[in-house]
């Protein structure tokens, strides 16, 4: 019986996802198997190896979004906090990437007391 849980996340760019995971201190393997309960395994495009044998993976779904897959019972992490941290950092990176490709420059950036990241972009026309 599989214990894997799948969580849909609003992530489309795998390269940015891999960069975010690395920046958060995770060693990422590409196109590997996620390990779970009693040796269960499932394929994923990006895998964070865990020493306890319960890995965390990201794989593409049918809508071309990434989904998080793991046996959270064994990972020992708070899945809500983990997902929120990744999604916030991913959104920030995508904002910076999109702004740059559209000719904007980052004028200011600050982290507010509540953890919100405030970014001011500008462009000369």
PDB file of N, CA and C in Angstrom:
ATOM      1  N   UNK A   1       0.833  -1.171   0.000  1.00  0.00           N
ATOM      2  CA  UNK A   1       0.000   0.000   0.000  1.00  0.00           C
ATOM      3  C   UNK A   1       0.885   1.244   0.000  1.00  0.00           C
ATOM      4  N   UNK A   2       0.685   2.119  -0.951  1.00  0.00           N
ATOM      5  CA  UNK A   2       1.499   3.321  -1.089  1.00  0.00           C
ATOM      6  C   UNK A   2       1.054   4.391  -0.102  1.00  0.00           C
ATOM      7  N   UNK A   3       2.011   5.090   0.448  1.00  0.00           N
ATOM      8  CA  UNK A   3       1.727   6.183   1.375  1.00  0.00           C
ATOM      9  C   UNK A   3       2.039   7.539   0.752  1.00  0.00           C
ATOM     10  N   UNK A   4       2.304   7.576  -0.539  1.00  0.00           N
ATOM     11  CA  UNK A   4       2.670   8.828  -1.184  1.00  0.00           C
ATOM     12  C   UNK A   4       1.483   9.785  -1.226  1.00  0.00           C
ATOM     13  N   UNK A   5       1.765  11.050  -0.954  1.00  0.00           N
ATOM     14  CA  UNK A   5       0.786  12.119  -1.049  1.00  0.00           C
ATOM     15  C   UNK A   5       1.205  13.042  -2.167  1.00  0.00           C
ATOM     16  N   UNK A   6       0.256  13.484  -2.970  1.00  0.00           N
ATOM     17  CA  UNK A   6       0.533  14.412  -4.058  1.00  0.00           C
ATOM     18  C   UNK A   6      -0.135  15.744  -3.749  1.00  0.00           C
ATOM     19  N   UNK A   7       0.642  16.822  -3.878  1.00  0.00           N
ATOM     20  CA  UNK A   7       0.130  18.171  -3.627  1.00  0.00           C
ATOM     21  C   UNK A   7       0.353  18.996  -4.880  1.00  0.00           C
ATOM     22  N   UNK A   8      -0.712  19.560  -5.411  1.00  0.00           N
ATOM     23  CA  UNK A   8      -0.584  20.430  -6.581  1.00  0.00           C
ATOM     24  C   UNK A   8      -0.019  21.768  -6.136  1.00  0.00           C
ATOM     25  N   UNK A   9       0.991  22.245  -6.876  1.00  0.00           N
ATOM     26  CA  UNK A   9       1.589  23.549  -6.595  1.00  0.00           C
ATOM     27  C   UNK A   9       1.608  24.355  -7.883  1.00  0.00           C
ATOM     28  N   UNK A  10       1.536  25.648  -7.767  1.00  0.00           N
ATOM     29  CA  UNK A  10       1.508  26.531  -8.938  1.00  0.00           C
ATOM     30  C   UNK A  10       2.935  26.826  -9.398  1.00  0.00           C
ATOM     31  N   UNK A  11       3.587  25.815  -9.931  1.00  0.00           N
ATOM     32  CA  UNK A  11       4.965  25.936 -10.414  1.00  0.00           C
ATOM     33  C   UNK A  11       5.025  25.337 -11.804  1.00  0.00           C
ATOM     34  N   UNK A  12       5.516  26.115 -12.765  1.00  0.00           N
ATOM     35  CA  UNK A  12       5.614  25.647 -14.149  1.00  0.00           C
ATOM     36  C   UNK A  12       7.059  25.543 -14.643  1.00  0.00           C
ATOM     37  N   UNK A  13       7.949  26.376 -14.130  1.00  0.00           N
ATOM     38  CA  UNK A  13       9.318  26.448 -14.619  1.00  0.00           C
ATOM     39  C   UNK A  13      10.231  25.575 -13.764  1.00  0.00           C
ATOM     40  N   UNK A  14      10.637  24.441 -14.323  1.00  0.00           N
ATOM     41  CA  UNK A  14      11.465  23.490 -13.585  1.00  0.00           C
ATOM     42  C   UNK A  14      12.842  24.015 -13.253  1.00  0.00           C
ATOM     43  N   UNK A  15      13.418  24.805 -14.143  1.00  0.00           N
ATOM     44  CA  UNK A  15      14.752  25.354 -13.904  1.00  0.00           C
ATOM     45  C   UNK A  15      14.740  26.307 -12.707  1.00  0.00           C
ATOM     46  N   UNK A  16      13.722  27.151 -12.646  1.00  0.00           N
ATOM     47  CA  UNK A  16      13.586  28.069 -11.505  1.00  0.00           C
ATOM     48  C   UNK A  16      13.312  27.270 -10.233  1.00  0.00           C
ATOM     49  N   UNK A  17      12.481  26.241 -10.319  1.00  0.00           N
ATOM     50  CA  UNK A  17      12.210  25.384  -9.170  1.00  0.00           C
ATOM     51  C   UNK A  17      13.505  24.777  -8.636  1.00  0.00           C
ATOM     52  N   UNK A  18      14.326  24.220  -9.505  1.00  0.00           N
ATOM     53  CA  UNK A  18      15.593  23.613  -9.079  1.00  0.00           C
ATOM     54  C   UNK A  18      16.488  24.648  -8.405  1.00  0.00           C
ATOM     55  N   UNK A  19      16.537  25.867  -8.951  1.00  0.00           N
ATOM     56  CA  UNK A  19      17.340  26.938  -8.348  1.00  0.00           C
ATOM     57  C   UNK A  19      16.820  27.305  -6.967  1.00  0.00           C
ATOM     58  N   UNK A  20      15.504  27.393  -6.830  1.00  0.00           N
ATOM     59  CA  UNK A  20      14.889  27.715  -5.537  1.00  0.00           C
ATOM     60  C   UNK A  20      15.237  26.644  -4.503  1.00  0.00           C
ATOM     61  N   UNK A  21      15.091  25.385  -4.874  1.00  0.00           N
ATOM     62  CA  UNK A  21      15.396  24.297  -3.951  1.00  0.00           C
ATOM     63  C   UNK A  21      16.858  24.342  -3.515  1.00  0.00           C
ATOM     64  N   UNK A  22      17.756  24.612  -4.456  1.00  0.00           N
ATOM     65  CA  UNK A  22      19.184  24.713  -4.131  1.00  0.00           C
ATOM     66  C   UNK A  22      19.448  25.897  -3.200  1.00  0.00           C
ATOM     67  N   UNK A  23      18.812  27.035  -3.467  1.00  0.00           N
ATOM     68  CA  UNK A  23      18.991  28.209  -2.611  1.00  0.00           C
ATOM     69  C   UNK A  23      18.483  27.968  -1.195  1.00  0.00           C
ATOM     70  N   UNK A  24      17.493  27.110  -1.067  1.00  0.00           N
ATOM     71  CA  UNK A  24      16.965  26.775   0.252  1.00  0.00           C
ATOM     72  C   UNK A  24      17.808  25.706   0.949  1.00  0.00           C
ATOM     73  N   UNK A  25      18.905  25.298   0.313  1.00  0.00           N
ATOM     74  CA  UNK A  25      19.842  24.375   0.935  1.00  0.00           C
ATOM     75  C   UNK A  25      19.609  22.911   0.645  1.00  0.00           C
ATOM     76  N   UNK A  26      18.765  22.606  -0.328  1.00  0.00           N
ATOM     77  CA  UNK A  26      18.489  21.204  -0.660  1.00  0.00           C
ATOM     78  C   UNK A  26      19.376  20.758  -1.811  1.00  0.00           C
ATOM     79  N   UNK A  27      19.913  19.554  -1.693  1.00  0.00           N
ATOM     80  CA  UNK A  27      20.640  18.942  -2.800  1.00  0.00           C
ATOM     81  C   UNK A  27      19.607  18.261  -3.682  1.00  0.00           C
ATOM     82  N   UNK A  28      19.588  18.639  -4.965  1.00  0.00           N
ATOM     83  CA  UNK A  28      18.536  18.180  -5.871  1.00  0.00           C
ATOM     84  C   UNK A  28      19.111  17.239  -6.916  1.00  0.00           C
ATOM     85  N   UNK A  29      18.449  16.105  -7.100  1.00  0.00           N
ATOM     86  CA  UNK A  29      18.769  15.180  -8.183  1.00  0.00           C
ATOM     87  C   UNK A  29      17.682  15.321  -9.244  1.00  0.00           C
ATOM     88  N   UNK A  30      18.067  15.167 -10.507  1.00  0.00           N
ATOM     89  CA  UNK A  30      17.084  15.255 -11.583  1.00  0.00           C
ATOM     90  C   UNK A  30      16.767  13.866 -12.117  1.00  0.00           C
ATOM     91  N   UNK A  31      15.517  13.699 -12.531  1.00  0.00           N
ATOM     92  CA  UNK A  31      15.031  12.443 -13.117  1.00  0.00           C
ATOM     93  C   UNK A  31      15.446  11.239 -12.291  1.00  0.00           C
ATOM     94  N   UNK A  32      14.928  11.206 -11.077  1.00  0.00           N
ATOM     95  CA  UNK A  32      15.282  10.152 -10.132  1.00  0.00           C
ATOM     96  C   UNK A  32      14.007   9.589  -9.508  1.00  0.00           C
ATOM     97  N   UNK A  33      14.184   8.624  -8.621  1.00  0.00           N
ATOM     98  CA  UNK A  33      13.048   8.034  -7.936  1.00  0.00           C
ATOM     99  C   UNK A  33      12.943   8.576  -6.520  1.00  0.00           C
ATOM    100  N   UNK A  34      11.703   8.833  -6.107  1.00  0.00           N
ATOM    101  CA  UNK A  34      11.394   9.264  -4.750  1.00  0.00           C
ATOM    102  C   UNK A  34      11.177   8.001  -3.924  1.00  0.00           C
ATOM    103  N   UNK A  35      11.884   7.891  -2.815  1.00  0.00           N
ATOM    104  CA  UNK A  35      11.753   6.724  -1.945  1.00  0.00           C
ATOM    105  C   UNK A  35      10.714   6.999  -0.862  1.00  0.00           C
ATOM    106  N   UNK A  36       9.950   5.963  -0.523  1.00  0.00           N
ATOM    107  CA  UNK A  36       8.924   6.092   0.503  1.00  0.00           C
ATOM    108  C   UNK A  36       8.843   4.867   1.381  1.00  0.00           C
ATOM    109  N   UNK A  37       7.700   4.674   1.976  1.00  0.00           N
ATOM    110  CA  UNK A  37       7.443   3.607   2.935  1.00  0.00           C
ATOM    111  C   UNK A  37       7.711   2.233   2.336  1.00  0.00           C
ATOM    112  N   UNK A  38       8.417   1.399   3.084  1.00  0.00           N
ATOM    113  CA  UNK A  38       8.730   0.017   2.730  1.00  0.00           C
ATOM    114  C   UNK A  38       9.308  -0.122   1.321  1.00  0.00           C
ATOM    115  N   UNK A  39      10.155   0.821   0.943  1.00  0.00           N
ATOM    116  CA  UNK A  39      10.831   0.733  -0.342  1.00  0.00           C
ATOM    117  C   UNK A  39      10.012   1.158  -1.543  1.00  0.00           C
ATOM    118  N   UNK A  40       8.794   1.667  -1.318  1.00  0.00           N
ATOM    119  CA  UNK A  40       8.003   2.177  -2.441  1.00  0.00           C
ATOM    120  C   UNK A  40       8.789   3.263  -3.152  1.00  0.00           C
ATOM    121  N   UNK A  41       8.649   3.324  -4.463  1.00  0.00           N
ATOM    122  CA  UNK A  41       9.359   4.324  -5.262  1.00  0.00           C
ATOM    123  C   UNK A  41       8.437   4.865  -6.345  1.00  0.00           C
ATOM    124  N   UNK A  42       8.668   6.130  -6.688  1.00  0.00           N
ATOM    125  CA  UNK A  42       7.907   6.770  -7.753  1.00  0.00           C
ATOM    126  C   UNK A  42       8.830   7.765  -8.444  1.00  0.00           C
ATOM    127  N   UNK A  43       8.686   7.900  -9.760  1.00  0.00           N
ATOM    128  CA  UNK A  43       9.573   8.772 -10.535  1.00  0.00           C
ATOM    129  C   UNK A  43       9.193  10.236 -10.383  1.00  0.00           C
ATOM    130  N   UNK A  44      10.219  11.099 -10.434  1.00  0.00           N
ATOM    131  CA  UNK A  44      10.000  12.547 -10.388  1.00  0.00           C
ATOM    132  C   UNK A  44      11.143  13.242 -11.116  1.00  0.00           C
ATOM    133  N   UNK A  45      10.854  14.440 -11.634  1.00  0.00           N
ATOM    134  CA  UNK A  45      11.862  15.207 -12.359  1.00  0.00           C
ATOM    135  C   UNK A  45      12.923  15.792 -11.429  1.00  0.00           C
ATOM    136  N   UNK A  46      12.489  16.215 -10.220  1.00  0.00           N
ATOM    137  CA  UNK A  46      13.413  16.779  -9.235  1.00  0.00           C
ATOM    138  C   UNK A  46      13.178  16.083  -7.905  1.00  0.00           C
ATOM    139  N   UNK A  47      14.273  15.604  -7.291  1.00  0.00           N
ATOM    140  CA  UNK A  47      14.156  14.848  -6.046  1.00  0.00           C
ATOM    141  C   UNK A  47      15.131  15.396  -5.015  1.00  0.00           C
ATOM    142  N   UNK A  48      14.598  15.633  -3.817  1.00  0.00           N
ATOM    143  CA  UNK A  48      15.417  16.005  -2.669  1.00  0.00           C
ATOM    144  C   UNK A  48      15.626  14.732  -1.865  1.00  0.00           C
ATOM    145  N   UNK A  49      16.876  14.282  -1.776  1.00  0.00           N
ATOM    146  CA  UNK A  49      17.202  13.075  -1.025  1.00  0.00           C
ATOM    147  C   UNK A  49      17.215  13.388   0.466  1.00  0.00           C
ATOM    148  N   UNK A  50      16.613  12.508   1.238  1.00  0.00           N
ATOM    149  CA  UNK A  50      16.586  12.648   2.684  1.00  0.00           C
ATOM    150  C   UNK A  50      17.331  11.468   3.289  1.00  0.00           C
ATOM    151  N   UNK A  51      18.087  11.706   4.330  1.00  0.00           N
ATOM    152  CA  UNK A  51      18.892  10.648   4.952  1.00  0.00           C
ATOM    153  C   UNK A  51      18.060   9.523   5.539  1.00  0.00           C
ATOM    154  N   UNK A  52      16.813   9.823   5.914  1.00  0.00           N
ATOM    155  CA  UNK A  52      15.976   8.791   6.527  1.00  0.00           C
ATOM    156  C   UNK A  52      15.281   7.889   5.501  1.00  0.00           C
ATOM    157  N   UNK A  53      15.547   8.112   4.186  1.00  0.00           N
ATOM    158  CA  UNK A  53      14.968   7.260   3.159  1.00  0.00           C
ATOM    159  C   UNK A  53      13.602   7.691   2.654  1.00  0.00           C
ATOM    160  N   UNK A  54      13.084   8.796   3.162  1.00  0.00           N
ATOM    161  CA  UNK A  54      11.800   9.336   2.719  1.00  0.00           C
ATOM    162  C   UNK A  54      12.068  10.629   1.945  1.00  0.00           C
ATOM    163  N   UNK A  55      12.150  10.521   0.640  1.00  0.00           N
ATOM    164  CA  UNK A  55      12.523  11.641  -0.218  1.00  0.00           C
ATOM    165  C   UNK A  55      11.323  12.524  -0.547  1.00  0.00           C
ATOM    166  N   UNK A  56      11.629  13.680  -1.141  1.00  0.00           N
ATOM    167  CA  UNK A  56      10.604  14.625  -1.582  1.00  0.00           C
ATOM    168  C   UNK A  56      10.837  14.876  -3.064  1.00  0.00           C
ATOM    169  N   UNK A  57       9.788  14.749  -3.877  1.00  0.00           N
ATOM    170  CA  UNK A  57       9.946  14.909  -5.314  1.00  0.00           C
ATOM    171  C   UNK A  57       8.978  15.903  -5.911  1.00  0.00           C
ATOM    172  N   UNK A  58       9.336  16.392  -7.087  1.00  0.00           N
ATOM    173  CA  UNK A  58       8.474  17.252  -7.890  1.00  0.00           C
ATOM    174  C   UNK A  58       8.398  16.633  -9.274  1.00  0.00           C
ATOM    175  N   UNK A  59       7.174  16.431  -9.759  1.00  0.00           N
ATOM    176  CA  UNK A  59       7.000  15.869 -11.096  1.00  0.00           C
ATOM    177  C   UNK A  59       5.927  16.661 -11.834  1.00  0.00           C
ATOM    178  N   UNK A  60       6.011  16.624 -13.175  1.00  0.00           N
ATOM    179  CA  UNK A  60       5.027  17.325 -14.013  1.00  0.00           C
ATOM    180  C   UNK A  60       3.715  16.562 -14.013  1.00  0.00           C
ATOM    181  N   UNK A  61       2.620  17.319 -13.958  1.00  0.00           N
ATOM    182  CA  UNK A  61       1.313  16.696 -14.068  1.00  0.00           C
ATOM    183  C   UNK A  61       0.779  16.896 -15.488  1.00  0.00           C
ATOM    184  N   UNK A  62      -0.440  16.471 -15.728  1.00  0.00           N
ATOM    185  CA  UNK A  62      -1.011  16.542 -17.069  1.00  0.00           C
ATOM    186  C   UNK A  62      -1.274  17.979 -17.536  1.00  0.00           C
ATOM    187  N   UNK A  63      -1.329  18.937 -16.606  1.00  0.00           N
ATOM    188  CA  UNK A  63      -1.542  20.345 -16.956  1.00  0.00           C
ATOM    189  C   UNK A  63      -0.231  21.101 -17.129  1.00  0.00           C
ATOM    190  N   UNK A  64       0.889  20.393 -17.129  1.00  0.00           N
ATOM    191  CA  UNK A  64       2.216  20.990 -17.287  1.00  0.00           C
ATOM    192  C   UNK A  64       2.648  21.821 -16.075  1.00  0.00           C
ATOM    193  N   UNK A  65       2.023  21.579 -14.936  1.00  0.00           N
ATOM    194  CA  UNK A  65       2.450  22.155 -13.659  1.00  0.00           C
ATOM    195  C   UNK A  65       3.238  21.096 -12.911  1.00  0.00           C
ATOM    196  N   UNK A  66       4.020  21.519 -11.943  1.00  0.00           N
ATOM    197  CA  UNK A  66       4.687  20.552 -11.083  1.00  0.00           C
ATOM    198  C   UNK A  66       3.800  20.243  -9.894  1.00  0.00           C
ATOM    199  N   UNK A  67       3.903  19.009  -9.426  1.00  0.00           N
ATOM    200  CA  UNK A  67       3.232  18.615  -8.200  1.00  0.00           C
ATOM    201  C   UNK A  67       4.273  18.026  -7.267  1.00  0.00           C
ATOM    202  N   UNK A  68       4.047  18.231  -6.002  1.00  0.00           N
ATOM    203  CA  UNK A  68       4.936  17.729  -4.964  1.00  0.00           C
ATOM    204  C   UNK A  68       4.468  16.337  -4.588  1.00  0.00           C
ATOM    205  N   UNK A  69       5.409  15.410  -4.496  1.00  0.00           N
ATOM    206  CA  UNK A  69       5.037  14.047  -4.116  1.00  0.00           C
ATOM    207  C   UNK A  69       6.022  13.541  -3.071  1.00  0.00           C
ATOM    208  N   UNK A  70       5.464  13.013  -1.987  1.00  0.00           N
ATOM    209  CA  UNK A  70       6.300  12.497  -0.905  1.00  0.00           C
ATOM    210  C   UNK A  70       5.447  11.637   0.019  1.00  0.00           C
ATOM    211  N   UNK A  71       6.118  10.813   0.792  1.00  0.00           N
ATOM    212  CA  UNK A  71       5.473  10.096   1.878  1.00  0.00           C
ATOM    213  C   UNK A  71       5.705  10.958   3.116  1.00  0.00           C
ATOM    214  N   UNK A  72       4.825  11.937   3.323  1.00  0.00           N
ATOM    215  CA  UNK A  72       5.040  12.929   4.371  1.00  0.00           C
ATOM    216  C   UNK A  72       5.040  12.338   5.771  1.00  0.00           C
ATOM    217  N   UNK A  73       4.438  11.181   5.941  1.00  0.00           N
ATOM    218  CA  UNK A  73       4.459  10.538   7.244  1.00  0.00           C
ATOM    219  C   UNK A  73       5.906  10.305   7.680  1.00  0.00           C
ATOM    220  N   UNK A  74       6.765   9.950   6.719  1.00  0.00           N
ATOM    221  CA  UNK A  74       8.146   9.625   7.060  1.00  0.00           C
ATOM    222  C   UNK A  74       9.143  10.761   6.877  1.00  0.00           C
ATOM    223  N   UNK A  75       8.743  11.836   6.210  1.00  0.00           N
ATOM    224  CA  UNK A  75       9.714  12.906   5.938  1.00  0.00           C
ATOM    225  C   UNK A  75      10.077  13.710   7.171  1.00  0.00           C
ATOM    226  N   UNK A  76       9.154  13.819   8.106  1.00  0.00           N
ATOM    227  CA  UNK A  76       9.426  14.576   9.313  1.00  0.00           C
ATOM    228  C   UNK A  76       9.439  16.081   9.115  1.00  0.00           C
ATOM    229  N   UNK A  77       8.763  16.547   8.061  1.00  0.00           N
ATOM    230  CA  UNK A  77       8.701  17.986   7.828  1.00  0.00           C
ATOM    231  C   UNK A  77       7.248  18.448   7.879  1.00  0.00           C
ATOM    232  N   UNK A  78       7.069  19.724   8.108  1.00  0.00           N
ATOM    233  CA  UNK A  78       5.739  20.330   8.059  1.00  0.00           C
ATOM    234  C   UNK A  78       5.457  20.650   6.602  1.00  0.00           C
ATOM    235  N   UNK A  79       4.557  19.906   5.981  1.00  0.00           N
ATOM    236  CA  UNK A  79       4.340  20.052   4.539  1.00  0.00           C
ATOM    237  C   UNK A  79       3.781  21.420   4.165  1.00  0.00           C
ATOM    238  N   UNK A  80       2.926  22.020   4.980  1.00  0.00           N
ATOM    239  CA  UNK A  80       2.365  23.336   4.672  1.00  0.00           C
ATOM    240  C   UNK A  80       3.474  24.384   4.682  1.00  0.00           C
ATOM    241  N   UNK A  81       4.293  24.365   5.710  1.00  0.00           N
ATOM    242  CA  UNK A  81       5.403  25.322   5.808  1.00  0.00           C
ATOM    243  C   UNK A  81       6.386  25.112   4.653  1.00  0.00           C
ATOM    244  N   UNK A  82       6.700  23.865   4.333  1.00  0.00           N
ATOM    245  CA  UNK A  82       7.628  23.538   3.248  1.00  0.00           C
ATOM    246  C   UNK A  82       7.110  24.069   1.913  1.00  0.00           C
ATOM    247  N   UNK A  83       5.841  23.801   1.608  1.00  0.00           N
ATOM    248  CA  UNK A  83       5.247  24.252   0.345  1.00  0.00           C
ATOM    249  C   UNK A  83       5.188  25.774   0.289  1.00  0.00           C
ATOM    250  N   UNK A  84       4.771  26.409   1.377  1.00  0.00           N
ATOM    251  CA  UNK A  84       4.688  27.871   1.399  1.00  0.00           C
ATOM    252  C   UNK A  84       6.043  28.527   1.158  1.00  0.00           C
ATOM    253  N   UNK A  85       7.076  27.986   1.780  1.00  0.00           N
ATOM    254  CA  UNK A  85       8.422  28.538   1.612  1.00  0.00           C
ATOM    255  C   UNK A  85       8.881  28.439   0.152  1.00  0.00           C
ATOM    256  N   UNK A  86       8.634  27.300  -0.456  1.00  0.00           N
ATOM    257  CA  UNK A  86       9.033  27.100  -1.851  1.00  0.00           C
ATOM    258  C   UNK A  86       8.218  27.993  -2.780  1.00  0.00           C
ATOM    259  N   UNK A  87       6.909  28.052  -2.571  1.00  0.00           N
ATOM    260  CA  UNK A  87       6.073  28.866  -3.453  1.00  0.00           C
ATOM    261  C   UNK A  87       6.391  30.351  -3.337  1.00  0.00           C
ATOM    262  N   UNK A  88       6.686  30.834  -2.135  1.00  0.00           N
ATOM    263  CA  UNK A  88       7.023  32.245  -1.976  1.00  0.00           C
ATOM    264  C   UNK A  88       8.334  32.563  -2.692  1.00  0.00           C
ATOM    265  N   UNK A  89       9.336  31.732  -2.506  1.00  0.00           N
ATOM    266  CA  UNK A  89      10.631  31.970  -3.146  1.00  0.00           C
ATOM    267  C   UNK A  89      10.509  31.822  -4.672  1.00  0.00           C
ATOM    268  N   UNK A  90       9.715  30.859  -5.121  1.00  0.00           N
ATOM    269  CA  UNK A  90       9.503  30.656  -6.560  1.00  0.00           C
ATOM    270  C   UNK A  90       8.823  31.879  -7.168  1.00  0.00           C
ATOM    271  N   UNK A  91       7.777  32.373  -6.524  1.00  0.00           N
ATOM    272  CA  UNK A  91       7.064  33.555  -7.032  1.00  0.00           C
ATOM    273  C   UNK A  91       8.005  34.753  -7.118  1.00  0.00           C
ATOM    274  N   UNK A  92       8.842  34.925  -6.122  1.00  0.00           N
ATOM    275  CA  UNK A  92       9.812  36.023  -6.110  1.00  0.00           C
ATOM    276  C   UNK A  92      10.783  35.893  -7.280  1.00  0.00           C
ATOM    277  N   UNK A  93      11.331  34.701  -7.469  1.00  0.00           N
ATOM    278  CA  UNK A  93      12.277  34.472  -8.580  1.00  0.00           C
ATOM    279  C   UNK A  93      11.608  34.686  -9.928  1.00  0.00           C
ATOM    280  N   UNK A  94      10.369  34.221 -10.086  1.00  0.00           N
ATOM    281  CA  UNK A  94       9.663  34.393 -11.351  1.00  0.00           C
ATOM    282  C   UNK A  94       9.375  35.870 -11.614  1.00  0.00           C
ATOM    283  N   UNK A  95       9.056  36.618 -10.573  1.00  0.00           N
ATOM    284  CA  UNK A  95       8.840  38.059 -10.722  1.00  0.00           C
ATOM    285  C   UNK A  95      10.111  38.730 -11.226  1.00  0.00           C
ATOM    286  N   UNK A  96      11.237  38.416 -10.612  1.00  0.00           N
ATOM    287  CA  UNK A  96      12.511  39.013 -11.025  1.00  0.00           C
ATOM    288  C   UNK A  96      12.864  38.624 -12.455  1.00  0.00           C
ATOM    289  N   UNK A  97      12.667  37.367 -12.798  1.00  0.00           N
ATOM    290  CA  UNK A  97      12.965  36.878 -14.146  1.00  0.00           C
ATOM    291  C   UNK A  97      12.069  37.540 -15.182  1.00  0.00           C
ATOM    292  N   UNK A  98      10.775  37.601 -14.907  1.00  0.00           N
ATOM    293  CA  UNK A  98       9.820  38.210 -15.834  1.00  0.00           C
ATOM    294  C   UNK A  98      10.087  39.697 -15.998  1.00  0.00           C
ATOM    295  N   UNK A  99      10.348  40.385 -14.897  1.00  0.00           N
ATOM    296  CA  UNK A  99      10.635  41.827 -14.955  1.00  0.00           C
ATOM    297  C   UNK A  99      11.855  42.084 -15.835  1.00  0.00           C
ATOM    298  N   UNK A 100      12.876  41.296 -15.657  1.00  0.00           N
ATOM    299  CA  UNK A 100      14.113  41.468 -16.439  1.00  0.00           C
ATOM    300  C   UNK A 100      13.874  41.226 -17.930  1.00  0.00           C
ATOM    301  N   UNK A 101      13.153  40.161 -18.262  1.00  0.00           N
ATOM    302  CA  UNK A 101      12.919  39.850 -19.677  1.00  0.00           C
ATOM    303  C   UNK A 101      12.021  40.879 -20.346  1.00  0.00           C
ATOM    304  N   UNK A 102      11.228  41.608 -19.560  1.00  0.00           N
ATOM    305  CA  UNK A 102      10.358  42.635 -20.123  1.00  0.00           C
ATOM    306  C   UNK A 102      10.984  44.029 -20.048  1.00  0.00           C
ATOM    307  N   UNK A 103      12.271  44.090 -19.707  1.00  0.00           N
ATOM    308  CA  UNK A 103      12.989  45.360 -19.739  1.00  0.00           C
ATOM    309  C   UNK A 103      12.887  46.211 -18.489  1.00  0.00           C
ATOM    310  N   UNK A 104      12.410  45.656 -17.389  1.00  0.00           N
ATOM    311  CA  UNK A 104      12.322  46.398 -16.132  1.00  0.00           C
ATOM    312  C   UNK A 104      13.606  46.215 -15.324  1.00  0.00           C
ATOM    313  N   UNK A 105      13.874  47.159 -14.440  1.00  0.00           N
ATOM    314  CA  UNK A 105      14.976  47.028 -13.496  1.00  0.00           C
ATOM    315  C   UNK A 105      14.393  47.016 -12.088  1.00  0.00           C
ATOM    316  N   UNK A 106      15.077  46.366 -11.194  1.00  0.00           N
ATOM    317  CA  UNK A 106      14.640  46.318  -9.801  1.00  0.00           C
ATOM    318  C   UNK A 106      15.130  47.597  -9.128  1.00  0.00           C
ATOM    319  N   UNK A 107      14.188  48.438  -8.711  1.00  0.00           N
ATOM    320  CA  UNK A 107      14.507  49.721  -8.078  1.00  0.00           C
ATOM    321  C   UNK A 107      14.729  49.552  -6.578  1.00  0.00           C
ATOM    322  N   UNK A 108      13.923  48.720  -5.950  1.00  0.00           N
ATOM    323  CA  UNK A 108      14.034  48.498  -4.506  1.00  0.00           C
ATOM    324  C   UNK A 108      13.427  47.150  -4.152  1.00  0.00           C
ATOM    325  N   UNK A 109      13.916  46.595  -3.060  1.00  0.00           N
ATOM    326  CA  UNK A 109      13.402  45.314  -2.586  1.00  0.00           C
ATOM    327  C   UNK A 109      13.586  45.279  -1.077  1.00  0.00           C
ATOM    328  N   UNK A 110      12.535  44.898  -0.357  1.00  0.00           N
ATOM    329  CA  UNK A 110      12.629  44.819   1.093  1.00  0.00           C
ATOM    330  C   UNK A 110      11.704  43.730   1.613  1.00  0.00           C
ATOM    331  N   UNK A 111      12.063  43.194   2.766  1.00  0.00           N
ATOM    332  CA  UNK A 111      11.224  42.214   3.443  1.00  0.00           C
ATOM    333  C   UNK A 111      10.530  42.937   4.587  1.00  0.00           C
ATOM    334  N   UNK A 112       9.192  42.927   4.581  1.00  0.00           N
ATOM    335  CA  UNK A 112       8.412  43.605   5.607  1.00  0.00           C
ATOM    336  C   UNK A 112       8.347  42.759   6.876  1.00  0.00           C
ATOM    337  N   UNK A 113       7.875  43.352   7.962  1.00  0.00           N
ATOM    338  CA  UNK A 113       7.819  42.662   9.263  1.00  0.00           C
ATOM    339  C   UNK A 113       7.019  41.369   9.225  1.00  0.00           C
ATOM    340  N   UNK A 114       5.995  41.313   8.372  1.00  0.00           N
ATOM    341  CA  UNK A 114       5.169  40.105   8.300  1.00  0.00           C
ATOM    342  C   UNK A 114       5.736  39.050   7.352  1.00  0.00           C
ATOM    343  N   UNK A 115       6.940  39.286   6.799  1.00  0.00           N
ATOM    344  CA  UNK A 115       7.570  38.333   5.893  1.00  0.00           C
ATOM    345  C   UNK A 115       7.276  38.586   4.427  1.00  0.00           C
ATOM    346  N   UNK A 116       6.402  39.532   4.139  1.00  0.00           N
ATOM    347  CA  UNK A 116       6.070  39.884   2.766  1.00  0.00           C
ATOM    348  C   UNK A 116       7.281  40.531   2.101  1.00  0.00           C
ATOM    349  N   UNK A 117       7.524  40.162   0.861  1.00  0.00           N
ATOM    350  CA  UNK A 117       8.625  40.760   0.102  1.00  0.00           C
ATOM    351  C   UNK A 117       8.023  41.834  -0.784  1.00  0.00           C
ATOM    352  N   UNK A 118       8.539  43.050  -0.671  1.00  0.00           N
ATOM    353  CA  UNK A 118       8.069  44.182  -1.467  1.00  0.00           C
ATOM    354  C   UNK A 118       9.130  44.493  -2.513  1.00  0.00           C
ATOM    355  N   UNK A 119       8.745  44.456  -3.789  1.00  0.00           N
ATOM    356  CA  UNK A 119       9.673  44.712  -4.883  1.00  0.00           C
ATOM    357  C   UNK A 119       9.126  45.875  -5.703  1.00  0.00           C
ATOM    358  N   UNK A 120       9.977  46.870  -5.958  1.00  0.00           N
ATOM    359  CA  UNK A 120       9.607  47.994  -6.800  1.00  0.00           C
ATOM    360  C   UNK A 120      10.416  47.881  -8.084  1.00  0.00           C
ATOM    361  N   UNK A 121       9.714  47.836  -9.228  1.00  0.00           N
ATOM    362  CA  UNK A 121      10.383  47.746 -10.517  1.00  0.00           C
ATOM    363  C   UNK A 121      10.106  49.008 -11.308  1.00  0.00           C
ATOM    364  N   UNK A 122      11.004  49.329 -12.217  1.00  0.00           N
ATOM    365  CA  UNK A 122      10.815  50.509 -13.051  1.00  0.00           C
ATOM    366  C   UNK A 122      11.387  50.286 -14.430  1.00  0.00           C
ATOM    367  N   UNK A 123      10.974  51.151 -15.354  1.00  0.00           N
ATOM    368  CA  UNK A 123      11.487  51.052 -16.724  1.00  0.00           C
ATOM    369  C   UNK A 123      11.420  52.432 -17.338  1.00  0.00           C
ATOM    370  N   UNK A 124      12.481  52.807 -17.997  1.00  0.00           N
ATOM    371  CA  UNK A 124      12.518  54.073 -18.734  1.00  0.00           C
ATOM    372  C   UNK A 124      11.829  53.879 -20.065  1.00  0.00           C
ATOM    373  N   UNK A 125      10.926  54.807 -20.400  1.00  0.00           N
ATOM    374  CA  UNK A 125      10.230  54.726 -21.687  1.00  0.00           C
ATOM    375  C   UNK A 125      10.503  55.946 -22.530  1.00  0.00           C
TER     376      UNK A 125
END
